[in-house]
N, C-alpha and C. Protein backbone atom coordinates (compact mmCIF):
# COMPACT_ATOMS: atom_id res chain seq x y z
N UNK A 1 -8.29 14.28 -18.39
CA UNK A 1 -7.37 13.22 -18.01
C UNK A 1 -6.14 13.85 -17.36
N UNK A 2 -5.67 13.30 -16.20
CA UNK A 2 -4.51 13.88 -15.54
C UNK A 2 -3.24 13.75 -16.38
N UNK A 3 -2.36 14.72 -16.21
CA UNK A 3 -1.09 14.73 -16.92
C UNK A 3 -0.16 13.66 -16.35
N UNK A 4 0.54 12.95 -17.21
CA UNK A 4 1.49 11.94 -16.76
C UNK A 4 2.76 12.63 -16.28
N UNK A 5 3.24 12.20 -15.12
CA UNK A 5 4.44 12.80 -14.53
C UNK A 5 5.69 12.22 -15.20
N UNK A 6 6.59 13.09 -15.59
CA UNK A 6 7.86 12.66 -16.19
C UNK A 6 8.93 12.68 -15.10
N UNK A 7 9.45 11.51 -14.75
CA UNK A 7 10.44 11.39 -13.69
C UNK A 7 11.85 11.60 -14.20
N UNK A 8 12.04 11.91 -15.48
CA UNK A 8 13.38 12.11 -16.04
C UNK A 8 14.07 13.34 -15.49
N UNK A 9 13.32 14.23 -14.82
CA UNK A 9 13.92 15.45 -14.28
C UNK A 9 14.71 15.18 -13.00
N UNK A 10 14.62 13.98 -12.44
CA UNK A 10 15.32 13.67 -11.20
C UNK A 10 16.83 13.68 -11.42
N UNK A 11 17.55 14.32 -10.51
CA UNK A 11 19.01 14.34 -10.55
C UNK A 11 19.51 13.61 -9.30
N UNK A 12 20.15 12.46 -9.50
CA UNK A 12 20.59 11.65 -8.37
C UNK A 12 21.60 12.38 -7.49
N UNK A 13 22.29 13.37 -8.02
CA UNK A 13 23.23 14.14 -7.21
C UNK A 13 22.52 14.96 -6.13
N UNK A 14 21.23 15.23 -6.34
CA UNK A 14 20.46 16.03 -5.39
C UNK A 14 19.78 15.20 -4.31
N UNK A 15 19.88 13.88 -4.38
CA UNK A 15 19.19 13.00 -3.45
C UNK A 15 20.00 12.85 -2.16
N UNK A 16 19.35 13.09 -1.03
CA UNK A 16 19.98 12.94 0.28
C UNK A 16 19.93 11.47 0.68
N UNK A 17 21.08 10.83 0.76
CA UNK A 17 21.13 9.41 1.13
C UNK A 17 21.72 9.20 2.51
N UNK A 18 21.77 10.24 3.32
CA UNK A 18 22.42 10.16 4.63
C UNK A 18 21.59 9.38 5.65
N UNK A 19 20.30 9.32 5.46
CA UNK A 19 19.38 8.67 6.39
C UNK A 19 19.35 9.37 7.74
N UNK A 20 19.90 10.56 7.82
CA UNK A 20 19.82 11.35 9.04
C UNK A 20 18.37 11.78 9.26
N UNK A 21 18.05 12.09 10.50
CA UNK A 21 16.71 12.55 10.79
C UNK A 21 16.39 13.81 9.99
N UNK A 22 15.16 13.94 9.61
CA UNK A 22 14.67 15.12 8.91
C UNK A 22 14.27 16.14 9.99
N UNK A 23 14.61 17.39 9.77
CA UNK A 23 14.28 18.43 10.73
C UNK A 23 12.77 18.53 10.90
N UNK A 24 12.33 18.80 12.14
CA UNK A 24 10.91 18.99 12.38
C UNK A 24 10.41 20.19 11.59
N UNK A 25 9.20 20.09 11.09
CA UNK A 25 8.62 21.18 10.34
C UNK A 25 7.42 20.71 9.55
N UNK A 26 6.83 21.61 8.78
CA UNK A 26 5.69 21.28 7.93
C UNK A 26 6.22 20.96 6.54
N UNK A 27 5.81 19.82 6.00
CA UNK A 27 6.26 19.37 4.69
C UNK A 27 5.06 18.97 3.84
N UNK A 28 5.28 18.99 2.52
CA UNK A 28 4.29 18.47 1.58
C UNK A 28 4.65 17.03 1.29
N UNK A 29 3.65 16.15 1.39
CA UNK A 29 3.85 14.72 1.16
C UNK A 29 3.01 14.27 -0.03
N UNK A 30 3.57 13.38 -0.83
CA UNK A 30 2.81 12.66 -1.84
C UNK A 30 2.57 11.26 -1.31
N UNK A 31 1.39 10.74 -1.57
CA UNK A 31 1.08 9.39 -1.14
C UNK A 31 1.49 8.44 -2.27
N UNK A 32 2.47 7.58 -1.99
CA UNK A 32 2.89 6.59 -2.97
C UNK A 32 1.87 5.47 -3.07
N UNK A 33 1.50 4.94 -1.90
CA UNK A 33 0.49 3.88 -1.85
C UNK A 33 0.09 3.66 -0.40
N UNK A 34 -1.08 3.07 -0.25
CA UNK A 34 -1.55 2.61 1.05
C UNK A 34 -2.08 1.20 0.82
N UNK A 35 -1.38 0.21 1.37
CA UNK A 35 -1.72 -1.19 1.16
C UNK A 35 -2.40 -1.78 2.39
N UNK A 36 -3.31 -2.69 2.15
CA UNK A 36 -3.98 -3.41 3.22
C UNK A 36 -3.22 -4.69 3.51
N UNK A 37 -2.90 -4.91 4.78
CA UNK A 37 -2.21 -6.13 5.20
C UNK A 37 -2.81 -6.61 6.53
N UNK A 38 -2.60 -7.87 6.83
CA UNK A 38 -2.96 -8.39 8.14
C UNK A 38 -1.68 -8.73 8.87
N UNK A 39 -1.65 -8.37 10.15
CA UNK A 39 -0.48 -8.64 10.98
C UNK A 39 -0.94 -9.38 12.24
N UNK A 40 -0.14 -10.35 12.63
CA UNK A 40 -0.42 -11.04 13.88
C UNK A 40 0.22 -10.24 15.02
N UNK A 41 -0.54 -10.01 16.08
CA UNK A 41 -0.04 -9.27 17.23
C UNK A 41 0.86 -10.20 18.03
N UNK A 42 2.12 -9.81 18.16
CA UNK A 42 3.11 -10.65 18.84
C UNK A 42 3.50 -10.12 20.21
N UNK A 43 2.99 -8.96 20.56
CA UNK A 43 3.29 -8.37 21.87
C UNK A 43 2.50 -9.14 22.94
N UNK A 44 3.23 -9.81 23.82
CA UNK A 44 2.62 -10.73 24.78
C UNK A 44 1.62 -10.05 25.70
N UNK A 45 1.89 -8.83 26.13
CA UNK A 45 0.99 -8.17 27.07
C UNK A 45 -0.17 -7.41 26.39
N UNK A 46 -0.35 -7.62 25.09
CA UNK A 46 -1.45 -6.99 24.36
C UNK A 46 -2.73 -7.81 24.51
N UNK A 47 -3.85 -7.12 24.60
CA UNK A 47 -5.15 -7.80 24.65
C UNK A 47 -5.43 -8.54 23.33
N UNK A 48 -4.71 -8.18 22.27
CA UNK A 48 -4.91 -8.78 20.96
C UNK A 48 -3.84 -9.82 20.63
N UNK A 49 -3.04 -10.23 21.62
CA UNK A 49 -1.94 -11.18 21.40
C UNK A 49 -2.45 -12.43 20.66
N UNK A 50 -1.73 -12.78 19.58
CA UNK A 50 -2.05 -13.96 18.80
C UNK A 50 -3.12 -13.76 17.75
N UNK A 51 -3.78 -12.62 17.75
CA UNK A 51 -4.83 -12.35 16.78
C UNK A 51 -4.26 -11.62 15.56
N UNK A 52 -4.93 -11.76 14.43
CA UNK A 52 -4.57 -11.01 13.24
C UNK A 52 -5.44 -9.77 13.15
N UNK A 53 -4.79 -8.63 12.95
CA UNK A 53 -5.51 -7.37 12.81
C UNK A 53 -5.22 -6.77 11.44
N UNK A 54 -6.18 -6.05 10.89
CA UNK A 54 -5.98 -5.39 9.60
C UNK A 54 -5.25 -4.07 9.82
N UNK A 55 -4.23 -3.87 8.99
CA UNK A 55 -3.46 -2.63 8.99
C UNK A 55 -3.50 -2.06 7.59
N UNK A 56 -3.41 -0.76 7.49
CA UNK A 56 -3.12 -0.10 6.23
C UNK A 56 -1.72 0.46 6.36
N UNK A 57 -0.84 0.07 5.45
CA UNK A 57 0.56 0.51 5.47
C UNK A 57 0.72 1.60 4.43
N UNK A 58 1.07 2.79 4.89
CA UNK A 58 1.20 3.94 4.00
C UNK A 58 2.64 4.28 3.71
N UNK A 59 2.90 4.63 2.45
CA UNK A 59 4.22 5.08 2.01
C UNK A 59 4.06 6.50 1.46
N UNK A 60 4.88 7.43 2.00
CA UNK A 60 4.76 8.85 1.68
C UNK A 60 6.13 9.41 1.30
N UNK A 61 6.16 10.35 0.36
CA UNK A 61 7.40 10.99 -0.07
C UNK A 61 7.30 12.49 0.12
N UNK A 62 8.35 13.08 0.69
CA UNK A 62 8.41 14.53 0.82
C UNK A 62 8.70 15.13 -0.55
N UNK A 63 7.94 16.15 -0.92
CA UNK A 63 8.13 16.83 -2.21
C UNK A 63 8.21 18.33 -1.98
N UNK A 64 8.71 19.02 -2.99
CA UNK A 64 8.77 20.49 -2.99
C UNK A 64 9.56 21.06 -1.81
N UNK A 65 10.59 20.37 -1.39
CA UNK A 65 11.44 20.87 -0.32
C UNK A 65 12.88 20.87 -0.84
N UNK A 66 13.60 22.00 -0.70
CA UNK A 66 14.94 22.08 -1.27
C UNK A 66 15.94 21.08 -0.67
N UNK A 67 15.74 20.68 0.56
CA UNK A 67 16.70 19.79 1.21
C UNK A 67 16.23 18.33 1.30
N UNK A 68 14.93 18.11 1.53
CA UNK A 68 14.46 16.76 1.85
C UNK A 68 13.57 16.12 0.80
N UNK A 69 13.39 16.75 -0.35
CA UNK A 69 12.57 16.13 -1.39
C UNK A 69 13.13 14.75 -1.73
N UNK A 70 12.21 13.81 -1.87
CA UNK A 70 12.59 12.44 -2.19
C UNK A 70 12.71 11.55 -0.97
N UNK A 71 12.79 12.13 0.22
CA UNK A 71 12.86 11.31 1.44
C UNK A 71 11.49 10.70 1.71
N UNK A 72 11.49 9.47 2.16
CA UNK A 72 10.26 8.73 2.39
C UNK A 72 9.95 8.58 3.86
N UNK A 73 8.68 8.46 4.14
CA UNK A 73 8.18 8.17 5.48
C UNK A 73 7.14 7.06 5.34
N UNK A 74 7.07 6.20 6.34
CA UNK A 74 6.10 5.11 6.34
C UNK A 74 5.30 5.17 7.61
N UNK A 75 4.03 4.82 7.52
CA UNK A 75 3.16 4.78 8.69
C UNK A 75 2.22 3.59 8.57
N UNK A 76 1.99 2.94 9.70
CA UNK A 76 1.02 1.85 9.78
C UNK A 76 -0.21 2.36 10.51
N UNK A 77 -1.38 2.02 9.98
CA UNK A 77 -2.65 2.42 10.57
C UNK A 77 -3.42 1.15 10.94
N UNK A 78 -3.51 0.83 12.22
CA UNK A 78 -4.26 -0.34 12.66
C UNK A 78 -5.74 0.03 12.68
N UNK A 79 -6.53 -0.64 11.86
CA UNK A 79 -7.92 -0.26 11.70
C UNK A 79 -8.81 -0.74 12.85
N UNK A 80 -8.22 -1.43 13.84
CA UNK A 80 -8.99 -1.86 15.01
C UNK A 80 -9.12 -0.74 16.05
N UNK A 81 -8.40 0.35 15.85
CA UNK A 81 -8.39 1.43 16.83
C UNK A 81 -8.87 2.74 16.20
N UNK A 82 -9.43 3.61 17.05
CA UNK A 82 -10.04 4.85 16.54
C UNK A 82 -9.02 5.86 16.03
N UNK A 83 -7.92 6.09 16.74
CA UNK A 83 -6.98 7.14 16.34
C UNK A 83 -6.44 6.91 14.92
N UNK A 84 -5.99 5.69 14.57
CA UNK A 84 -5.55 5.49 13.17
C UNK A 84 -6.67 5.77 12.16
N UNK A 85 -7.91 5.47 12.52
CA UNK A 85 -9.02 5.78 11.61
C UNK A 85 -9.22 7.28 11.47
N UNK A 86 -9.00 8.01 12.57
CA UNK A 86 -9.07 9.48 12.52
C UNK A 86 -7.97 10.00 11.59
N UNK A 87 -6.76 9.42 11.69
CA UNK A 87 -5.66 9.83 10.80
C UNK A 87 -6.05 9.60 9.34
N UNK A 88 -6.65 8.46 9.03
CA UNK A 88 -7.06 8.16 7.65
C UNK A 88 -8.14 9.14 7.18
N UNK A 89 -9.04 9.52 8.07
CA UNK A 89 -10.06 10.52 7.70
C UNK A 89 -9.40 11.86 7.41
N UNK A 90 -8.38 12.23 8.21
CA UNK A 90 -7.65 13.48 7.96
C UNK A 90 -6.99 13.44 6.58
N UNK A 91 -6.40 12.28 6.21
CA UNK A 91 -5.80 12.13 4.88
C UNK A 91 -6.88 12.27 3.81
N UNK A 92 -8.02 11.61 4.02
CA UNK A 92 -9.12 11.69 3.06
C UNK A 92 -9.56 13.14 2.85
N UNK A 93 -9.75 13.85 3.94
CA UNK A 93 -10.21 15.24 3.85
C UNK A 93 -9.16 16.15 3.20
N UNK A 94 -7.89 15.92 3.51
CA UNK A 94 -6.82 16.78 2.98
C UNK A 94 -6.57 16.53 1.50
N UNK A 95 -6.75 15.28 1.04
CA UNK A 95 -6.44 14.96 -0.35
C UNK A 95 -7.66 15.05 -1.26
N UNK A 96 -8.85 14.98 -0.67
CA UNK A 96 -10.06 14.99 -1.49
C UNK A 96 -10.37 13.64 -2.11
N UNK A 97 -9.62 12.61 -1.74
CA UNK A 97 -9.88 11.26 -2.26
C UNK A 97 -10.93 10.64 -1.35
N UNK A 98 -12.17 10.65 -1.82
CA UNK A 98 -13.28 10.26 -0.97
C UNK A 98 -13.51 8.75 -0.99
N UNK A 99 -14.15 8.29 0.06
CA UNK A 99 -14.57 6.89 0.15
C UNK A 99 -16.04 6.86 -0.23
N UNK A 100 -16.33 6.19 -1.32
CA UNK A 100 -17.70 6.14 -1.82
C UNK A 100 -18.57 5.28 -0.91
N UNK A 101 -19.86 5.54 -0.93
CA UNK A 101 -20.81 4.76 -0.15
C UNK A 101 -20.66 3.28 -0.52
N UNK A 102 -20.49 2.43 0.48
CA UNK A 102 -20.35 1.00 0.26
C UNK A 102 -18.94 0.55 -0.10
N UNK A 103 -18.02 1.48 -0.29
CA UNK A 103 -16.64 1.13 -0.64
C UNK A 103 -15.88 0.74 0.63
N UNK A 104 -15.24 -0.41 0.59
CA UNK A 104 -14.46 -0.87 1.74
C UNK A 104 -13.23 -0.01 1.96
N UNK A 105 -12.75 -0.03 3.18
CA UNK A 105 -11.56 0.77 3.54
C UNK A 105 -10.35 0.35 2.70
N UNK A 106 -10.17 -0.94 2.48
CA UNK A 106 -9.04 -1.43 1.68
C UNK A 106 -9.13 -0.92 0.24
N UNK A 107 -10.33 -0.97 -0.32
CA UNK A 107 -10.51 -0.49 -1.70
C UNK A 107 -10.24 1.00 -1.80
N UNK A 108 -10.70 1.75 -0.79
CA UNK A 108 -10.41 3.18 -0.77
C UNK A 108 -8.91 3.42 -0.75
N UNK A 109 -8.20 2.70 0.12
CA UNK A 109 -6.76 2.90 0.28
C UNK A 109 -5.99 2.52 -0.98
N UNK A 110 -6.39 1.46 -1.65
CA UNK A 110 -5.67 0.97 -2.83
C UNK A 110 -5.69 1.95 -3.99
N UNK A 111 -6.68 2.83 -4.04
CA UNK A 111 -6.77 3.75 -5.18
C UNK A 111 -5.64 4.78 -5.18
N UNK A 112 -4.98 5.01 -4.04
CA UNK A 112 -3.89 5.99 -4.00
C UNK A 112 -2.73 5.59 -4.91
N UNK A 113 -2.48 4.29 -5.07
CA UNK A 113 -1.38 3.83 -5.90
C UNK A 113 -1.61 4.10 -7.38
N UNK A 114 -2.85 4.34 -7.77
CA UNK A 114 -3.17 4.52 -9.19
C UNK A 114 -3.36 5.99 -9.57
N UNK A 115 -3.34 6.88 -8.61
CA UNK A 115 -3.58 8.29 -8.91
C UNK A 115 -2.39 8.91 -9.63
N UNK A 116 -2.68 9.65 -10.69
CA UNK A 116 -1.63 10.33 -11.43
C UNK A 116 -2.18 11.70 -11.84
N UNK A 117 -1.74 12.77 -11.24
CA UNK A 117 -0.63 12.86 -10.28
C UNK A 117 -1.04 12.31 -8.92
N UNK A 118 -0.05 11.95 -8.09
CA UNK A 118 -0.34 11.39 -6.77
C UNK A 118 -1.03 12.42 -5.88
N UNK A 119 -1.81 11.91 -4.94
CA UNK A 119 -2.47 12.78 -3.95
C UNK A 119 -1.42 13.39 -3.04
N UNK A 120 -1.66 14.64 -2.66
CA UNK A 120 -0.73 15.38 -1.79
C UNK A 120 -1.45 15.96 -0.59
N UNK A 121 -0.70 16.16 0.48
CA UNK A 121 -1.19 16.87 1.65
C UNK A 121 0.01 17.48 2.37
N UNK A 122 -0.27 18.42 3.25
CA UNK A 122 0.78 18.99 4.10
C UNK A 122 0.53 18.54 5.53
N UNK A 123 1.61 18.30 6.26
CA UNK A 123 1.51 17.92 7.67
C UNK A 123 2.84 18.19 8.35
N UNK A 124 2.78 18.25 9.68
CA UNK A 124 4.00 18.41 10.47
C UNK A 124 4.72 17.07 10.54
N UNK A 125 6.04 17.15 10.48
CA UNK A 125 6.89 15.98 10.70
C UNK A 125 7.59 16.21 12.03
N UNK A 126 7.53 15.22 12.90
CA UNK A 126 8.10 15.35 14.23
C UNK A 126 9.25 14.36 14.42
N UNK A 127 10.10 14.64 15.40
CA UNK A 127 11.12 13.69 15.84
C UNK A 127 10.62 13.12 17.16
N UNK A 128 10.49 11.79 17.23
CA UNK A 128 9.97 11.12 18.42
C UNK A 128 10.90 9.98 18.81
N UNK A 129 10.74 9.47 20.03
CA UNK A 129 11.50 8.30 20.45
C UNK A 129 11.05 7.09 19.65
N UNK A 130 12.01 6.27 19.25
CA UNK A 130 11.72 5.03 18.53
C UNK A 130 11.11 4.05 19.53
N UNK A 131 9.87 3.64 19.27
CA UNK A 131 9.18 2.73 20.19
C UNK A 131 9.86 1.38 20.33
N UNK A 132 10.64 0.98 19.34
CA UNK A 132 11.30 -0.33 19.39
C UNK A 132 12.58 -0.29 20.21
N UNK A 133 13.01 0.90 20.62
CA UNK A 133 14.26 1.04 21.37
C UNK A 133 13.94 1.15 22.86
N UNK A 134 14.25 0.10 23.64
CA UNK A 134 13.90 0.15 25.07
C UNK A 134 14.68 1.20 25.86
N UNK A 135 15.81 1.66 25.35
CA UNK A 135 16.60 2.66 26.08
C UNK A 135 16.08 4.07 25.87
N UNK A 136 15.29 4.29 24.83
CA UNK A 136 14.76 5.62 24.55
C UNK A 136 15.78 6.57 23.96
N UNK A 137 16.92 6.04 23.51
CA UNK A 137 17.96 6.92 22.96
C UNK A 137 17.84 7.11 21.46
N UNK A 138 17.19 6.17 20.78
CA UNK A 138 17.03 6.30 19.33
C UNK A 138 15.81 7.15 19.01
N UNK A 139 15.94 7.93 17.96
CA UNK A 139 14.87 8.82 17.52
C UNK A 139 14.45 8.41 16.12
N UNK A 140 13.25 8.80 15.74
CA UNK A 140 12.76 8.58 14.39
C UNK A 140 11.82 9.71 14.02
N UNK A 141 11.59 9.87 12.72
CA UNK A 141 10.62 10.84 12.25
C UNK A 141 9.24 10.19 12.22
N UNK A 142 8.23 11.03 12.45
CA UNK A 142 6.85 10.56 12.41
C UNK A 142 5.96 11.69 11.91
N UNK A 143 5.09 11.37 10.97
CA UNK A 143 4.14 12.36 10.46
C UNK A 143 3.03 12.54 11.50
N UNK A 144 2.71 13.79 11.82
CA UNK A 144 1.60 14.10 12.71
C UNK A 144 0.35 14.27 11.84
N UNK A 145 -0.43 13.21 11.71
CA UNK A 145 -1.58 13.23 10.81
C UNK A 145 -2.71 14.12 11.33
N UNK A 146 -2.68 14.49 12.61
CA UNK A 146 -3.69 15.43 13.11
C UNK A 146 -3.56 16.78 12.41
N UNK A 147 -2.37 17.09 11.88
CA UNK A 147 -2.13 18.38 11.25
C UNK A 147 -2.32 18.36 9.73
N UNK A 148 -2.84 17.27 9.17
CA UNK A 148 -3.04 17.18 7.71
C UNK A 148 -3.92 18.30 7.20
N UNK A 149 -3.49 18.88 6.09
CA UNK A 149 -4.31 19.90 5.43
C UNK A 149 -4.04 19.84 3.92
N UNK A 150 -4.96 20.35 3.14
CA UNK A 150 -4.77 20.32 1.69
C UNK A 150 -3.58 21.18 1.26
N UNK A 151 -3.01 20.84 0.13
CA UNK A 151 -1.92 21.61 -0.44
C UNK A 151 -2.51 22.66 -1.35
């Protein structure tokens, strides 16, 4: 049986609350959860405009880093497209959390929330242009899931 994690060791004085960008580099991430949701496509010039598509919304926390431990990253994986599915396979391979024969993608994803200790992987974190900013001046962090590897 896995050991229960004791969160009493957290010191709030050590938590970075600046919300500044995280420096690019390789970090260890814990998977908090991956939830299945449906979203309606609202982008008018999309071929999927007005349709509901299944997404997996992932929540990840940086761990074992002296400066950025506790910082969170979020990623959406649209299951209608191949690249997000490749990212999910990279997560599966890096964490060892397998999808059993006949198990739906949503059921596979939901098991991450119940793992104790949480599943971990290493990946590069990049600084990219914020897609929601039409001027291209805002930046955001993004996990490069192509670089996922076991811890």
